[in-house]
Amino acid sequence: MGYLLANNHLTFLANGPVAWVEELMVESHRRSGAGRELMGYAENWASESGAAYLALASRRAGPFYLALGYEDSAVFSGRPWCSATASR
């Protein structure tokens, strides 16, 4: 049906742990509430683990997360890393 991968780590900014959703995928049951349910589990886990907040980066699912009450708050920047770019 789908999966969610999340972790938490300590930060100085939050003065404690924050939780981060790395991946959320619902393959065969889209629009069934499965993604919402998976995010609910992640939110409960983040809360129980003492995380100050739950964050994620999304390129294509912004409206989904906005509908769940998440806010756009930053731009995610990244740099591809491979041997061809390592020497630059």
C-alpha atoms as a PDB file:
ATOM      1  CA  MET A   1       0.000   0.000   0.000  1.00  0.00           C
ATOM      2  CA  GLY A   2       2.655   2.504   1.012  1.00  0.00           C
ATOM      3  CA  TYR A   3       5.358   3.441   3.470  1.00  0.00           C
ATOM      4  CA  LEU A   4       6.789   6.321   5.465  1.00  0.00           C
ATOM      5  CA  LEU A   5      10.441   6.690   6.455  1.00  0.00           C
ATOM      6  CA  ALA A   6      11.247   9.131   9.257  1.00  0.00           C
ATOM      7  CA  ASN A   7      14.013   9.806  11.745  1.00  0.00           C
ATOM      8  CA  ASN A   8      14.836  12.250  14.482  1.00  0.00           C
ATOM      9  CA  HIS A   9      17.992  14.072  15.424  1.00  0.00           C
ATOM     10  CA  LEU A  10      19.171  16.691  17.895  1.00  0.00           C
ATOM     11  CA  THR A  11      19.439  20.320  16.813  1.00  0.00           C
ATOM     12  CA  PHE A  12      20.665  23.491  18.459  1.00  0.00           C
ATOM     13  CA  LEU A  13      17.924  25.514  16.749  1.00  0.00           C
ATOM     14  CA  ALA A  14      15.129  23.572  18.463  1.00  0.00           C
ATOM     15  CA  ASN A  15      17.224  22.975  21.589  1.00  0.00           C
ATOM     16  CA  GLY A  16      16.387  19.294  21.297  1.00  0.00           C
ATOM     17  CA  PRO A  17      15.199  16.676  18.853  1.00  0.00           C
ATOM     18  CA  VAL A  18      13.304  17.328  15.650  1.00  0.00           C
ATOM     19  CA  ALA A  19      11.645  14.671  13.520  1.00  0.00           C
ATOM     20  CA  TRP A  20      12.071  14.543   9.763  1.00  0.00           C
ATOM     21  CA  VAL A  21       9.997  12.664   7.210  1.00  0.00           C
ATOM     22  CA  GLU A  22      12.431  11.421   4.581  1.00  0.00           C
ATOM     23  CA  GLU A  23       9.963   9.641   2.330  1.00  0.00           C
ATOM     24  CA  LEU A  24       6.225   9.065   2.084  1.00  0.00           C
ATOM     25  CA  MET A  25       4.867   6.930  -0.707  1.00  0.00           C
ATOM     26  CA  VAL A  26       1.381   5.612  -1.296  1.00  0.00           C
ATOM     27  CA  GLU A  27       1.431   3.552  -4.426  1.00  0.00           C
ATOM     28  CA  SER A  28      -1.796   1.694  -5.072  1.00  0.00           C
ATOM     29  CA  HIS A  29      -4.281   3.354  -2.708  1.00  0.00           C
ATOM     30  CA  ARG A  30      -3.997   7.053  -3.453  1.00  0.00           C
ATOM     31  CA  ARG A  31      -6.910   9.203  -2.330  1.00  0.00           C
ATOM     32  CA  SER A  32      -7.890   6.519   0.188  1.00  0.00           C
ATOM     33  CA  GLY A  33      -6.603   8.324   3.294  1.00  0.00           C
ATOM     34  CA  ALA A  34      -3.541   6.079   3.540  1.00  0.00           C
ATOM     35  CA  GLY A  35      -1.094   9.002   3.291  1.00  0.00           C
ATOM     36  CA  ARG A  36      -3.031  10.943   5.901  1.00  0.00           C
ATOM     37  CA  GLU A  37      -2.975   7.905   8.189  1.00  0.00           C
ATOM     38  CA  LEU A  38       0.757   7.358   7.717  1.00  0.00           C
ATOM     39  CA  MET A  39       1.403  11.017   8.537  1.00  0.00           C
ATOM     40  CA  GLY A  40      -0.779  10.635  11.630  1.00  0.00           C
ATOM     41  CA  TYR A  41       1.443   7.788  12.804  1.00  0.00           C
ATOM     42  CA  ALA A  42       4.531   9.903  12.120  1.00  0.00           C
ATOM     43  CA  GLU A  43       3.081  12.812  14.086  1.00  0.00           C
ATOM     44  CA  ASN A  44       2.293  10.549  17.056  1.00  0.00           C
ATOM     45  CA  TRP A  45       5.770   9.028  16.914  1.00  0.00           C
ATOM     46  CA  ALA A  46       7.392  12.477  16.737  1.00  0.00           C
ATOM     47  CA  SER A  47       5.355  13.696  19.686  1.00  0.00           C
ATOM     48  CA  GLU A  48       6.094  10.606  21.775  1.00  0.00           C
ATOM     49  CA  SER A  49       9.814  10.885  20.982  1.00  0.00           C
ATOM     50  CA  GLY A  50       9.872  14.451  22.328  1.00  0.00           C
ATOM     51  CA  ALA A  51      10.507  16.133  18.983  1.00  0.00           C
ATOM     52  CA  ALA A  52      10.004  19.896  18.903  1.00  0.00           C
ATOM     53  CA  TYR A  53       8.427  19.603  15.457  1.00  0.00           C
ATOM     54  CA  LEU A  54       8.008  17.359  12.436  1.00  0.00           C
ATOM     55  CA  ALA A  55       9.444  18.614   9.148  1.00  0.00           C
ATOM     56  CA  LEU A  56       9.799  17.408   5.585  1.00  0.00           C
ATOM     57  CA  ALA A  57      10.716  18.523   2.107  1.00  0.00           C
ATOM     58  CA  SER A  58       8.332  18.014  -0.778  1.00  0.00           C
ATOM     59  CA  ARG A  59       8.624  18.908  -4.397  1.00  0.00           C
ATOM     60  CA  ARG A  60       5.266  17.678  -5.710  1.00  0.00           C
ATOM     61  CA  ALA A  61       2.968  17.000  -2.747  1.00  0.00           C
ATOM     62  CA  GLY A  62       2.728  20.516  -1.309  1.00  0.00           C
ATOM     63  CA  PRO A  63      -1.084  20.696  -1.465  1.00  0.00           C
ATOM     64  CA  PHE A  64      -1.339  17.372   0.411  1.00  0.00           C
ATOM     65  CA  TYR A  65       0.800  18.636   3.302  1.00  0.00           C
ATOM     66  CA  LEU A  66      -0.934  22.029   3.351  1.00  0.00           C
ATOM     67  CA  ALA A  67      -4.270  20.194   3.696  1.00  0.00           C
ATOM     68  CA  LEU A  68      -2.832  18.392   6.749  1.00  0.00           C
ATOM     69  CA  GLY A  69      -1.974  21.719   8.386  1.00  0.00           C
ATOM     70  CA  TYR A  70       1.707  21.960   7.459  1.00  0.00           C
ATOM     71  CA  GLU A  71       3.096  25.327   6.419  1.00  0.00           C
ATOM     72  CA  ASP A  72       5.642  26.280   3.797  1.00  0.00           C
ATOM     73  CA  SER A  73       8.508  27.645   5.830  1.00  0.00           C
ATOM     74  CA  ALA A  74      11.775  27.274   3.915  1.00  0.00           C
ATOM     75  CA  VAL A  75      13.337  26.442   0.632  1.00  0.00           C
ATOM     76  CA  PHE A  76      15.201  23.160   0.535  1.00  0.00           C
ATOM     77  CA  SER A  77      18.576  23.377  -1.128  1.00  0.00           C
ATOM     78  CA  GLY A  78      20.622  20.437  -2.270  1.00  0.00           C
ATOM     79  CA  ARG A  79      23.677  19.604  -4.236  1.00  0.00           C
ATOM     80  CA  PRO A  80      24.135  16.381  -6.165  1.00  0.00           C
ATOM     81  CA  TRP A  81      27.230  14.652  -4.931  1.00  0.00           C
ATOM     82  CA  CYS A  82      29.269  12.325  -7.080  1.00  0.00           C
ATOM     83  CA  SER A  83      32.894  11.998  -8.098  1.00  0.00           C
ATOM     84  CA  ALA A  84      32.382  14.392 -11.027  1.00  0.00           C
ATOM     85  CA  THR A  85      31.285  17.266  -8.750  1.00  0.00           C
ATOM     86  CA  ALA A  86      33.531  16.492  -5.768  1.00  0.00           C
ATOM     87  CA  SER A  87      36.511  18.354  -7.184  1.00  0.00           C
ATOM     88  CA  ARG A  88      34.660  21.616  -7.888  1.00  0.00           C
END
